[in-house]
């Protein structure tokens, strides 16, 4: 009886299609070449515009768009008139994903070779000490605003939300904090008066 039920369920169940990872046919390479030839320059310009002129990343976006077109080539061939909007949508979504990833990812590290080796560590230590001393001269509200806006790079709205004050108050505190910090640094001789 159990063998009969298993046989019945296996014959009644529809075959599971794995179309998500469908491999394009032999014309897939020609399809991708056609995408590059017809839409490549347009998509790179579009992506670069969305990426604030980052042409290198725009070319990466084009490659990913072409890879997705190749992956879905079998299904896109039948809808040739919808190919261009589909490519632009994929490009836009990839750029959005890139912006989200950069916002959620820590800042990229700089290669050691790109660092300025002429930086004098003694001078930087003295400057750091003077800046820390000048920051201690500020009141707590001013230090908090300087820390949020200039050290953590929060926007005015984010700093206002964190401090629980209106954005105008944050702007005012930042203005007076920077002015007081400048005066303190001038007294220390770090900045010219």
N, C-alpha and C. Protein backbone atom coordinates (compact mmCIF):
# COMPACT_ATOMS: atom_id res chain seq x y z
N UNK A 1 0.82 -1.19 0.00
CA UNK A 1 0.00 0.00 0.00
C UNK A 1 0.87 1.26 0.00
N UNK A 2 1.93 1.27 0.84
CA UNK A 2 2.80 2.44 0.91
C UNK A 2 3.51 2.61 -0.42
N UNK A 3 3.94 1.54 -1.03
CA UNK A 3 4.59 1.61 -2.33
C UNK A 3 3.67 2.18 -3.38
N UNK A 4 2.36 1.90 -3.29
CA UNK A 4 1.39 2.44 -4.23
C UNK A 4 1.23 3.93 -4.05
N UNK A 5 1.21 4.39 -2.79
CA UNK A 5 1.07 5.83 -2.54
C UNK A 5 2.30 6.57 -3.04
N UNK A 6 3.49 6.04 -2.79
CA UNK A 6 4.71 6.69 -3.28
C UNK A 6 4.73 6.75 -4.79
N UNK A 7 4.31 5.71 -5.44
CA UNK A 7 4.27 5.69 -6.90
C UNK A 7 3.26 6.69 -7.41
N UNK A 8 2.13 6.82 -6.73
CA UNK A 8 1.09 7.76 -7.16
C UNK A 8 1.56 9.19 -6.98
N UNK A 9 2.26 9.49 -5.88
CA UNK A 9 2.70 10.86 -5.66
C UNK A 9 3.82 11.25 -6.60
N UNK A 10 4.65 10.29 -6.97
CA UNK A 10 5.73 10.65 -7.89
C UNK A 10 5.22 10.84 -9.30
N UNK A 11 4.15 10.16 -9.69
CA UNK A 11 3.64 10.34 -11.04
C UNK A 11 2.72 11.54 -11.12
N UNK A 12 2.08 11.92 -10.00
CA UNK A 12 1.17 13.07 -10.03
C UNK A 12 1.91 14.39 -9.88
N UNK A 13 3.06 14.38 -9.24
CA UNK A 13 3.80 15.62 -9.03
C UNK A 13 4.39 16.09 -10.35
N UNK A 14 4.21 17.36 -10.67
CA UNK A 14 4.77 17.88 -11.92
C UNK A 14 6.29 17.93 -11.83
N UNK A 15 6.94 17.76 -12.94
CA UNK A 15 8.40 17.83 -12.91
C UNK A 15 8.84 19.24 -12.52
N UNK A 16 9.83 19.33 -11.68
CA UNK A 16 10.32 20.62 -11.21
C UNK A 16 11.31 21.18 -12.22
N UNK A 17 11.02 22.34 -12.74
CA UNK A 17 11.89 22.96 -13.73
C UNK A 17 12.86 23.90 -13.03
N UNK A 18 14.09 23.82 -13.37
CA UNK A 18 15.11 24.70 -12.81
C UNK A 18 15.43 25.79 -13.82
N UNK A 19 14.48 26.66 -14.08
CA UNK A 19 14.68 27.70 -15.09
C UNK A 19 15.50 28.86 -14.56
N UNK A 20 15.67 28.93 -13.25
CA UNK A 20 16.42 30.05 -12.70
C UNK A 20 17.87 30.02 -13.16
N UNK A 21 18.42 28.84 -13.29
CA UNK A 21 19.80 28.70 -13.72
C UNK A 21 19.86 28.09 -15.12
N UNK A 22 18.95 28.52 -15.94
CA UNK A 22 18.93 27.97 -17.31
C UNK A 22 20.17 28.42 -18.06
N UNK A 23 20.77 27.52 -18.78
CA UNK A 23 21.95 27.83 -19.58
C UNK A 23 21.49 28.17 -20.98
N UNK A 24 21.86 29.34 -21.49
CA UNK A 24 21.44 29.72 -22.83
C UNK A 24 21.99 28.75 -23.86
N UNK A 25 21.33 28.74 -24.99
CA UNK A 25 21.76 27.86 -26.07
C UNK A 25 23.02 28.40 -26.73
N UNK A 26 23.42 27.80 -27.83
CA UNK A 26 24.67 28.16 -28.50
C UNK A 26 24.66 29.59 -29.00
N UNK A 27 23.48 30.18 -29.23
CA UNK A 27 23.40 31.56 -29.70
C UNK A 27 23.55 32.56 -28.57
N UNK A 28 23.78 32.10 -27.35
CA UNK A 28 23.91 32.99 -26.20
C UNK A 28 25.06 33.95 -26.36
N UNK A 29 26.19 33.46 -26.89
CA UNK A 29 27.34 34.34 -27.08
C UNK A 29 27.04 35.43 -28.11
N UNK A 30 26.37 35.07 -29.17
CA UNK A 30 25.99 36.07 -30.17
C UNK A 30 25.01 37.07 -29.58
N UNK A 31 24.13 36.58 -28.72
CA UNK A 31 23.16 37.47 -28.07
C UNK A 31 23.87 38.49 -27.20
N UNK A 32 24.86 38.04 -26.42
CA UNK A 32 25.59 38.96 -25.55
C UNK A 32 26.41 39.94 -26.37
N UNK A 33 27.04 39.48 -27.45
CA UNK A 33 27.77 40.40 -28.33
C UNK A 33 26.84 41.46 -28.89
N UNK A 34 25.64 41.05 -29.26
CA UNK A 34 24.65 42.00 -29.77
C UNK A 34 24.26 43.01 -28.70
N UNK A 35 24.12 42.55 -27.46
CA UNK A 35 23.79 43.46 -26.35
C UNK A 35 24.91 44.48 -26.17
N UNK A 36 26.17 44.01 -26.18
CA UNK A 36 27.31 44.92 -26.04
C UNK A 36 27.36 45.91 -27.21
N UNK A 37 27.18 45.42 -28.43
CA UNK A 37 27.29 46.29 -29.60
C UNK A 37 26.19 47.33 -29.65
N UNK A 38 24.96 46.90 -29.41
CA UNK A 38 23.81 47.80 -29.55
C UNK A 38 23.59 48.70 -28.34
N UNK A 39 23.80 48.16 -27.14
CA UNK A 39 23.41 48.89 -25.93
C UNK A 39 24.57 49.22 -25.00
N UNK A 40 25.74 48.66 -25.23
CA UNK A 40 26.88 48.85 -24.32
C UNK A 40 27.21 50.30 -24.03
N UNK A 41 27.49 51.13 -25.05
CA UNK A 41 27.84 52.53 -24.78
C UNK A 41 26.71 53.29 -24.07
N UNK A 42 25.47 52.99 -24.45
CA UNK A 42 24.34 53.68 -23.82
C UNK A 42 24.21 53.30 -22.34
N UNK A 43 24.39 52.02 -22.05
CA UNK A 43 24.26 51.55 -20.67
C UNK A 43 25.41 52.05 -19.81
N UNK A 44 26.62 52.13 -20.37
CA UNK A 44 27.76 52.65 -19.60
C UNK A 44 27.54 54.12 -19.27
N UNK A 45 27.08 54.90 -20.24
CA UNK A 45 26.80 56.32 -19.97
C UNK A 45 25.71 56.48 -18.92
N UNK A 46 24.66 55.67 -19.05
CA UNK A 46 23.55 55.72 -18.10
C UNK A 46 24.04 55.37 -16.70
N UNK A 47 24.81 54.29 -16.57
CA UNK A 47 25.32 53.88 -15.26
C UNK A 47 26.29 54.92 -14.70
N UNK A 48 27.16 55.47 -15.54
CA UNK A 48 28.12 56.48 -15.08
C UNK A 48 27.40 57.71 -14.55
N UNK A 49 26.33 58.09 -15.22
CA UNK A 49 25.55 59.23 -14.75
C UNK A 49 24.94 58.95 -13.37
N UNK A 50 24.45 57.73 -13.18
CA UNK A 50 23.87 57.36 -11.88
C UNK A 50 24.94 57.19 -10.81
N UNK A 51 26.18 56.94 -11.23
CA UNK A 51 27.29 56.72 -10.29
C UNK A 51 28.16 57.96 -10.14
N UNK A 52 27.66 59.12 -10.50
CA UNK A 52 28.37 60.39 -10.37
C UNK A 52 29.69 60.40 -11.13
N UNK A 53 29.67 59.81 -12.34
CA UNK A 53 30.84 59.86 -13.21
C UNK A 53 31.87 58.78 -12.99
N UNK A 54 31.58 57.76 -12.20
CA UNK A 54 32.53 56.66 -11.97
C UNK A 54 32.45 55.68 -13.15
N UNK A 55 33.30 55.92 -14.16
CA UNK A 55 33.25 55.12 -15.39
C UNK A 55 33.72 53.69 -15.18
N UNK A 56 34.66 53.51 -14.28
CA UNK A 56 35.15 52.15 -14.01
C UNK A 56 34.04 51.29 -13.42
N UNK A 57 33.33 51.83 -12.45
CA UNK A 57 32.23 51.08 -11.85
C UNK A 57 31.10 50.90 -12.87
N UNK A 58 30.90 51.89 -13.73
CA UNK A 58 29.86 51.79 -14.77
C UNK A 58 30.16 50.63 -15.71
N UNK A 59 31.44 50.44 -16.03
CA UNK A 59 31.81 49.31 -16.89
C UNK A 59 31.57 47.98 -16.17
N UNK A 60 31.82 47.95 -14.86
CA UNK A 60 31.51 46.75 -14.08
C UNK A 60 30.01 46.46 -14.10
N UNK A 61 29.22 47.51 -13.99
CA UNK A 61 27.76 47.37 -14.02
C UNK A 61 27.33 46.82 -15.38
N UNK A 62 27.94 47.33 -16.47
CA UNK A 62 27.62 46.82 -17.80
C UNK A 62 27.94 45.33 -17.90
N UNK A 63 29.07 44.91 -17.37
CA UNK A 63 29.43 43.50 -17.42
C UNK A 63 28.42 42.64 -16.66
N UNK A 64 28.00 43.11 -15.51
CA UNK A 64 27.01 42.35 -14.74
C UNK A 64 25.67 42.33 -15.46
N UNK A 65 25.29 43.44 -16.08
CA UNK A 65 24.06 43.48 -16.86
C UNK A 65 24.12 42.49 -18.02
N UNK A 66 25.26 42.46 -18.72
CA UNK A 66 25.42 41.53 -19.83
C UNK A 66 25.38 40.09 -19.33
N UNK A 67 25.97 39.82 -18.17
CA UNK A 67 25.94 38.46 -17.62
C UNK A 67 24.51 38.05 -17.31
N UNK A 68 23.74 38.97 -16.77
CA UNK A 68 22.34 38.64 -16.48
C UNK A 68 21.53 38.48 -17.76
N UNK A 69 21.87 39.26 -18.78
CA UNK A 69 21.19 39.09 -20.06
C UNK A 69 21.54 37.72 -20.66
N UNK A 70 22.79 37.32 -20.53
CA UNK A 70 23.21 36.00 -21.02
C UNK A 70 22.47 34.90 -20.27
N UNK A 71 22.36 35.08 -18.96
CA UNK A 71 21.68 34.09 -18.12
C UNK A 71 20.21 33.94 -18.50
N UNK A 72 19.58 35.05 -18.86
CA UNK A 72 18.16 35.05 -19.22
C UNK A 72 17.95 35.16 -20.73
N UNK A 73 19.01 34.92 -21.50
CA UNK A 73 18.96 35.10 -22.95
C UNK A 73 17.87 34.32 -23.64
N UNK A 74 17.63 33.10 -23.19
CA UNK A 74 16.61 32.26 -23.81
C UNK A 74 15.23 32.91 -23.68
N UNK A 75 14.99 33.58 -22.57
CA UNK A 75 13.69 34.18 -22.32
C UNK A 75 13.59 35.57 -22.92
N UNK A 76 14.72 36.24 -23.07
CA UNK A 76 14.70 37.59 -23.63
C UNK A 76 14.60 37.59 -25.15
N UNK A 77 15.07 36.53 -25.81
CA UNK A 77 14.99 36.46 -27.26
C UNK A 77 13.55 36.58 -27.75
N UNK A 78 12.63 35.98 -27.01
CA UNK A 78 11.24 35.98 -27.45
C UNK A 78 10.58 37.34 -27.28
N UNK A 79 11.19 38.20 -26.45
CA UNK A 79 10.60 39.52 -26.21
C UNK A 79 11.59 40.60 -26.63
N UNK A 80 12.04 40.54 -27.83
CA UNK A 80 13.06 41.47 -28.32
C UNK A 80 12.70 42.93 -28.15
N UNK A 81 11.41 43.27 -28.25
CA UNK A 81 11.01 44.67 -28.12
C UNK A 81 11.08 45.15 -26.67
N UNK A 82 11.20 44.22 -25.73
CA UNK A 82 11.30 44.58 -24.32
C UNK A 82 12.73 44.51 -23.81
N UNK A 83 13.67 44.25 -24.68
CA UNK A 83 15.05 44.06 -24.24
C UNK A 83 15.66 45.35 -23.71
N UNK A 84 15.51 46.44 -24.42
CA UNK A 84 16.12 47.71 -23.99
C UNK A 84 15.61 48.15 -22.62
N UNK A 85 14.29 48.21 -22.39
CA UNK A 85 13.84 48.59 -21.04
C UNK A 85 14.32 47.62 -19.96
N UNK A 86 14.38 46.33 -20.32
CA UNK A 86 14.84 45.34 -19.35
C UNK A 86 16.30 45.61 -18.97
N UNK A 87 17.14 45.91 -19.96
CA UNK A 87 18.55 46.19 -19.70
C UNK A 87 18.72 47.44 -18.84
N UNK A 88 17.95 48.49 -19.14
CA UNK A 88 18.04 49.71 -18.35
C UNK A 88 17.56 49.47 -16.91
N UNK A 89 16.54 48.67 -16.75
CA UNK A 89 16.04 48.36 -15.41
C UNK A 89 17.09 47.58 -14.62
N UNK A 90 17.71 46.58 -15.26
CA UNK A 90 18.75 45.80 -14.58
C UNK A 90 19.92 46.71 -14.21
N UNK A 91 20.32 47.58 -15.11
CA UNK A 91 21.43 48.51 -14.84
C UNK A 91 21.09 49.41 -13.67
N UNK A 92 19.91 49.98 -13.68
CA UNK A 92 19.50 50.86 -12.58
C UNK A 92 19.47 50.10 -11.26
N UNK A 93 18.94 48.89 -11.25
CA UNK A 93 18.89 48.11 -10.03
C UNK A 93 20.28 47.74 -9.51
N UNK A 94 21.20 47.46 -10.41
CA UNK A 94 22.57 47.17 -10.00
C UNK A 94 23.24 48.40 -9.40
N UNK A 95 22.97 49.57 -9.95
CA UNK A 95 23.52 50.81 -9.39
C UNK A 95 22.93 51.06 -8.00
N UNK A 96 21.63 50.84 -7.85
CA UNK A 96 20.99 51.00 -6.54
C UNK A 96 21.61 50.04 -5.54
N UNK A 97 21.82 48.80 -5.94
CA UNK A 97 22.46 47.82 -5.06
C UNK A 97 23.87 48.28 -4.67
N UNK A 98 24.59 48.86 -5.63
CA UNK A 98 25.94 49.36 -5.36
C UNK A 98 25.90 50.48 -4.32
N UNK A 99 24.96 51.42 -4.48
CA UNK A 99 24.84 52.53 -3.51
C UNK A 99 24.48 52.00 -2.13
N UNK A 100 23.57 51.05 -2.07
CA UNK A 100 23.18 50.47 -0.78
C UNK A 100 24.36 49.76 -0.13
N UNK A 101 25.11 49.03 -0.92
CA UNK A 101 26.26 48.30 -0.37
C UNK A 101 27.31 49.26 0.16
N UNK A 102 27.56 50.35 -0.54
CA UNK A 102 28.55 51.32 -0.07
C UNK A 102 28.10 52.00 1.21
N UNK A 103 26.78 52.21 1.32
CA UNK A 103 26.24 52.86 2.52
C UNK A 103 26.36 51.91 3.72
N UNK A 104 26.21 50.62 3.51
CA UNK A 104 26.24 49.65 4.60
C UNK A 104 27.64 49.11 4.89
N UNK A 105 28.56 49.29 3.98
CA UNK A 105 29.90 48.74 4.11
C UNK A 105 30.84 49.82 4.66
N UNK A 106 31.80 49.44 5.48
CA UNK A 106 32.75 50.45 5.95
C UNK A 106 33.56 51.01 4.79
N UNK A 107 34.18 52.13 5.04
CA UNK A 107 34.98 52.76 4.00
C UNK A 107 36.08 51.83 3.53
N UNK A 108 36.38 51.92 2.24
CA UNK A 108 37.42 51.08 1.67
C UNK A 108 38.77 51.56 2.16
N UNK A 109 39.65 50.62 2.43
CA UNK A 109 40.98 50.96 2.91
C UNK A 109 41.88 51.39 1.77
N UNK A 110 42.80 52.27 2.07
CA UNK A 110 43.73 52.75 1.06
C UNK A 110 44.98 51.87 1.08
N UNK A 111 45.52 51.60 -0.07
CA UNK A 111 46.73 50.80 -0.16
C UNK A 111 47.89 51.56 0.48
N UNK A 112 48.81 50.84 1.08
CA UNK A 112 49.95 51.45 1.75
C UNK A 112 50.77 52.27 0.75
N UNK A 113 50.87 51.80 -0.49
CA UNK A 113 51.65 52.51 -1.50
C UNK A 113 51.05 53.89 -1.82
N UNK A 114 49.73 54.04 -1.61
CA UNK A 114 49.09 55.30 -1.94
C UNK A 114 49.18 56.33 -0.82
N UNK A 115 49.65 55.92 0.35
CA UNK A 115 49.76 56.85 1.47
C UNK A 115 50.88 57.85 1.21
N UNK A 116 50.72 59.03 1.76
CA UNK A 116 51.73 60.07 1.62
C UNK A 116 52.86 59.76 2.60
N UNK A 117 53.99 59.33 2.07
CA UNK A 117 55.10 58.93 2.94
C UNK A 117 55.87 60.13 3.48
N UNK A 118 55.59 61.32 2.97
CA UNK A 118 56.30 62.50 3.46
C UNK A 118 55.68 63.05 4.73
N UNK A 119 54.63 62.42 5.24
CA UNK A 119 53.96 62.89 6.43
C UNK A 119 54.90 62.73 7.63
N UNK A 120 55.13 63.81 8.31
CA UNK A 120 56.02 63.79 9.47
C UNK A 120 55.22 63.36 10.69
N UNK A 121 55.58 62.21 11.25
CA UNK A 121 54.82 61.69 12.37
C UNK A 121 54.94 62.58 13.61
N UNK A 122 56.06 63.24 13.81
CA UNK A 122 56.23 64.12 14.97
C UNK A 122 55.29 65.30 14.86
N UNK A 123 55.26 65.89 13.67
CA UNK A 123 54.38 67.04 13.46
C UNK A 123 52.91 66.64 13.60
N UNK A 124 52.55 65.48 13.07
CA UNK A 124 51.16 65.04 13.17
C UNK A 124 50.79 64.73 14.61
N UNK A 125 51.71 64.21 15.38
CA UNK A 125 51.45 63.93 16.79
C UNK A 125 51.21 65.23 17.55
N UNK A 126 52.02 66.23 17.29
CA UNK A 126 51.86 67.53 17.95
C UNK A 126 50.53 68.17 17.54
N UNK A 127 50.20 68.08 16.26
CA UNK A 127 48.93 68.65 15.79
C UNK A 127 47.75 67.92 16.42
N UNK A 128 47.82 66.61 16.48
CA UNK A 128 46.75 65.83 17.10
C UNK A 128 46.59 66.22 18.57
N UNK A 129 47.70 66.37 19.25
CA UNK A 129 47.65 66.77 20.66
C UNK A 129 47.00 68.15 20.80
N UNK A 130 47.37 69.08 19.93
CA UNK A 130 46.79 70.43 19.99
C UNK A 130 45.30 70.40 19.69
N UNK A 131 44.88 69.59 18.73
CA UNK A 131 43.46 69.50 18.39
C UNK A 131 42.68 68.90 19.56
N UNK A 132 43.21 67.85 20.17
CA UNK A 132 42.53 67.24 21.32
C UNK A 132 42.44 68.22 22.49
N UNK A 133 43.49 68.99 22.72
CA UNK A 133 43.47 70.01 23.78
C UNK A 133 42.42 71.08 23.47
N UNK A 134 42.35 71.50 22.20
CA UNK A 134 41.36 72.50 21.80
C UNK A 134 39.94 71.96 21.93
N UNK A 135 39.74 70.67 21.61
CA UNK A 135 38.41 70.07 21.76
C UNK A 135 37.98 70.02 23.22
N UNK A 136 38.93 69.81 24.14
CA UNK A 136 38.59 69.78 25.56
C UNK A 136 38.13 71.15 26.06
N UNK A 137 38.52 72.21 25.36
CA UNK A 137 38.11 73.56 25.76
C UNK A 137 36.66 73.86 25.38
N UNK A 138 36.09 73.07 24.47
CA UNK A 138 34.70 73.26 24.06
C UNK A 138 33.76 72.71 25.12
N UNK A 139 32.52 73.24 25.12
CA UNK A 139 31.55 72.67 26.06
C UNK A 139 31.04 71.33 25.51
N UNK A 140 30.31 70.58 26.33
CA UNK A 140 29.88 69.22 25.98
C UNK A 140 29.01 69.20 24.72
N UNK A 141 28.10 70.17 24.59
CA UNK A 141 27.22 70.21 23.41
C UNK A 141 28.03 70.42 22.14
N UNK A 142 29.00 71.32 22.19
CA UNK A 142 29.81 71.58 21.02
C UNK A 142 30.67 70.37 20.66
N UNK A 143 31.24 69.72 21.68
CA UNK A 143 32.04 68.51 21.40
C UNK A 143 31.18 67.42 20.78
N UNK A 144 29.94 67.28 21.26
CA UNK A 144 29.05 66.25 20.73
C UNK A 144 28.74 66.51 19.26
N UNK A 145 28.48 67.76 18.93
CA UNK A 145 28.17 68.11 17.53
C UNK A 145 29.39 67.90 16.64
N UNK A 146 30.56 68.32 17.10
CA UNK A 146 31.79 68.12 16.33
C UNK A 146 32.02 66.63 16.12
N UNK A 147 31.85 65.84 17.17
CA UNK A 147 32.06 64.40 17.08
C UNK A 147 31.10 63.77 16.06
N UNK A 148 29.83 64.13 16.13
CA UNK A 148 28.84 63.54 15.24
C UNK A 148 29.03 63.97 13.79
N UNK A 149 29.21 65.27 13.58
CA UNK A 149 29.21 65.79 12.21
C UNK A 149 30.55 65.65 11.51
N UNK A 150 31.65 65.77 12.22
CA UNK A 150 32.94 65.79 11.55
C UNK A 150 33.74 64.51 11.76
N UNK A 151 33.55 63.84 12.89
CA UNK A 151 34.28 62.61 13.12
C UNK A 151 33.49 61.42 12.57
N UNK A 152 32.20 61.34 12.90
CA UNK A 152 31.36 60.24 12.42
C UNK A 152 30.70 60.54 11.08
N UNK A 153 30.83 61.79 10.60
CA UNK A 153 30.29 62.23 9.31
C UNK A 153 28.78 62.04 9.21
N UNK A 154 28.09 62.38 10.28
CA UNK A 154 26.62 62.33 10.26
C UNK A 154 26.10 63.58 9.57
N UNK A 155 24.94 63.46 8.96
CA UNK A 155 24.29 64.62 8.37
C UNK A 155 23.66 65.44 9.50
N UNK A 156 23.20 66.64 9.15
CA UNK A 156 22.54 67.49 10.15
C UNK A 156 21.31 66.78 10.70
N UNK A 157 20.54 66.15 9.82
CA UNK A 157 19.33 65.45 10.25
C UNK A 157 19.66 64.28 11.18
N UNK A 158 20.71 63.54 10.86
CA UNK A 158 21.10 62.41 11.71
C UNK A 158 21.60 62.89 13.07
N UNK A 159 22.39 63.96 13.07
CA UNK A 159 22.88 64.51 14.34
C UNK A 159 21.72 65.03 15.17
N UNK A 160 20.76 65.69 14.51
CA UNK A 160 19.60 66.21 15.23
C UNK A 160 18.80 65.09 15.85
N UNK A 161 18.63 64.01 15.11
CA UNK A 161 17.88 62.86 15.63
C UNK A 161 18.61 62.23 16.81
N UNK A 162 19.93 62.11 16.69
CA UNK A 162 20.72 61.50 17.76
C UNK A 162 20.69 62.36 19.03
N UNK A 163 20.80 63.68 18.86
CA UNK A 163 20.83 64.58 20.02
C UNK A 163 19.44 64.93 20.53
N UNK A 164 18.42 64.69 19.72
CA UNK A 164 17.05 65.02 20.13
C UNK A 164 16.77 66.51 20.10
N UNK A 165 17.38 67.21 19.17
CA UNK A 165 17.17 68.66 19.02
C UNK A 165 16.81 68.93 17.56
N UNK A 166 16.25 70.10 17.28
CA UNK A 166 15.93 70.44 15.88
C UNK A 166 17.19 70.62 15.03
N UNK A 167 17.07 70.42 13.72
CA UNK A 167 18.23 70.58 12.83
C UNK A 167 18.85 71.98 12.90
N UNK A 168 18.02 73.00 13.09
CA UNK A 168 18.55 74.37 13.20
C UNK A 168 19.48 74.51 14.39
N UNK A 169 19.14 73.85 15.48
CA UNK A 169 19.98 73.89 16.68
C UNK A 169 21.32 73.21 16.41
N UNK A 170 21.29 72.10 15.67
CA UNK A 170 22.53 71.41 15.33
C UNK A 170 23.41 72.32 14.47
N UNK A 171 22.82 72.99 13.49
CA UNK A 171 23.59 73.90 12.63
C UNK A 171 24.22 75.02 13.45
N UNK A 172 23.44 75.59 14.36
CA UNK A 172 23.93 76.67 15.20
C UNK A 172 25.07 76.20 16.10
N UNK A 173 24.88 75.04 16.74
CA UNK A 173 25.93 74.50 17.60
C UNK A 173 27.19 74.19 16.81
N UNK A 174 27.02 73.66 15.61
CA UNK A 174 28.18 73.34 14.78
C UNK A 174 28.93 74.61 14.39
N UNK A 175 28.20 75.65 14.05
CA UNK A 175 28.82 76.92 13.66
C UNK A 175 29.67 77.46 14.81
N UNK A 176 29.07 77.54 16.00
CA UNK A 176 29.78 78.09 17.15
C UNK A 176 30.89 77.16 17.62
N UNK A 177 30.72 75.86 17.48
CA UNK A 177 31.76 74.92 17.88
C UNK A 177 32.98 75.03 16.98
N UNK A 178 32.76 75.13 15.68
CA UNK A 178 33.89 75.27 14.75
C UNK A 178 34.60 76.60 14.98
N UNK A 179 33.83 77.65 15.25
CA UNK A 179 34.44 78.96 15.52
C UNK A 179 35.29 78.91 16.79
N UNK A 180 34.76 78.28 17.83
CA UNK A 180 35.51 78.18 19.09
C UNK A 180 36.73 77.29 18.91
N UNK A 181 36.60 76.22 18.14
CA UNK A 181 37.73 75.34 17.88
C UNK A 181 38.82 76.07 17.11
N UNK A 182 38.42 76.86 16.13
CA UNK A 182 39.39 77.64 15.36
C UNK A 182 40.15 78.61 16.26
N UNK A 183 39.44 79.30 17.14
CA UNK A 183 40.11 80.25 18.06
C UNK A 183 41.11 79.51 18.96
N UNK A 184 40.71 78.34 19.47
CA UNK A 184 41.58 77.58 20.34
C UNK A 184 42.84 77.12 19.59
N UNK A 185 42.66 76.70 18.34
CA UNK A 185 43.80 76.26 17.54
C UNK A 185 44.71 77.44 17.16
N UNK A 186 44.13 78.63 16.99
CA UNK A 186 44.95 79.82 16.73
C UNK A 186 45.78 80.16 17.95
N UNK A 187 45.18 80.03 19.16
CA UNK A 187 45.92 80.29 20.38
C UNK A 187 47.07 79.30 20.57
N UNK A 188 46.87 78.07 20.14
CA UNK A 188 47.90 77.04 20.24
C UNK A 188 48.98 77.19 19.18
N UNK A 189 48.72 78.01 18.17
CA UNK A 189 49.69 78.22 17.10
C UNK A 189 49.58 77.19 15.98
N UNK A 190 48.53 76.38 15.98
CA UNK A 190 48.36 75.38 14.92
C UNK A 190 47.83 76.05 13.67
N UNK A 191 46.93 77.00 13.84
CA UNK A 191 46.37 77.76 12.72
C UNK A 191 46.88 79.18 12.78
N UNK A 192 47.08 79.77 11.61
CA UNK A 192 47.52 81.17 11.57
C UNK A 192 46.31 82.07 11.85
N UNK A 193 46.53 83.09 12.62
CA UNK A 193 45.43 84.01 12.99
C UNK A 193 45.06 84.91 11.86
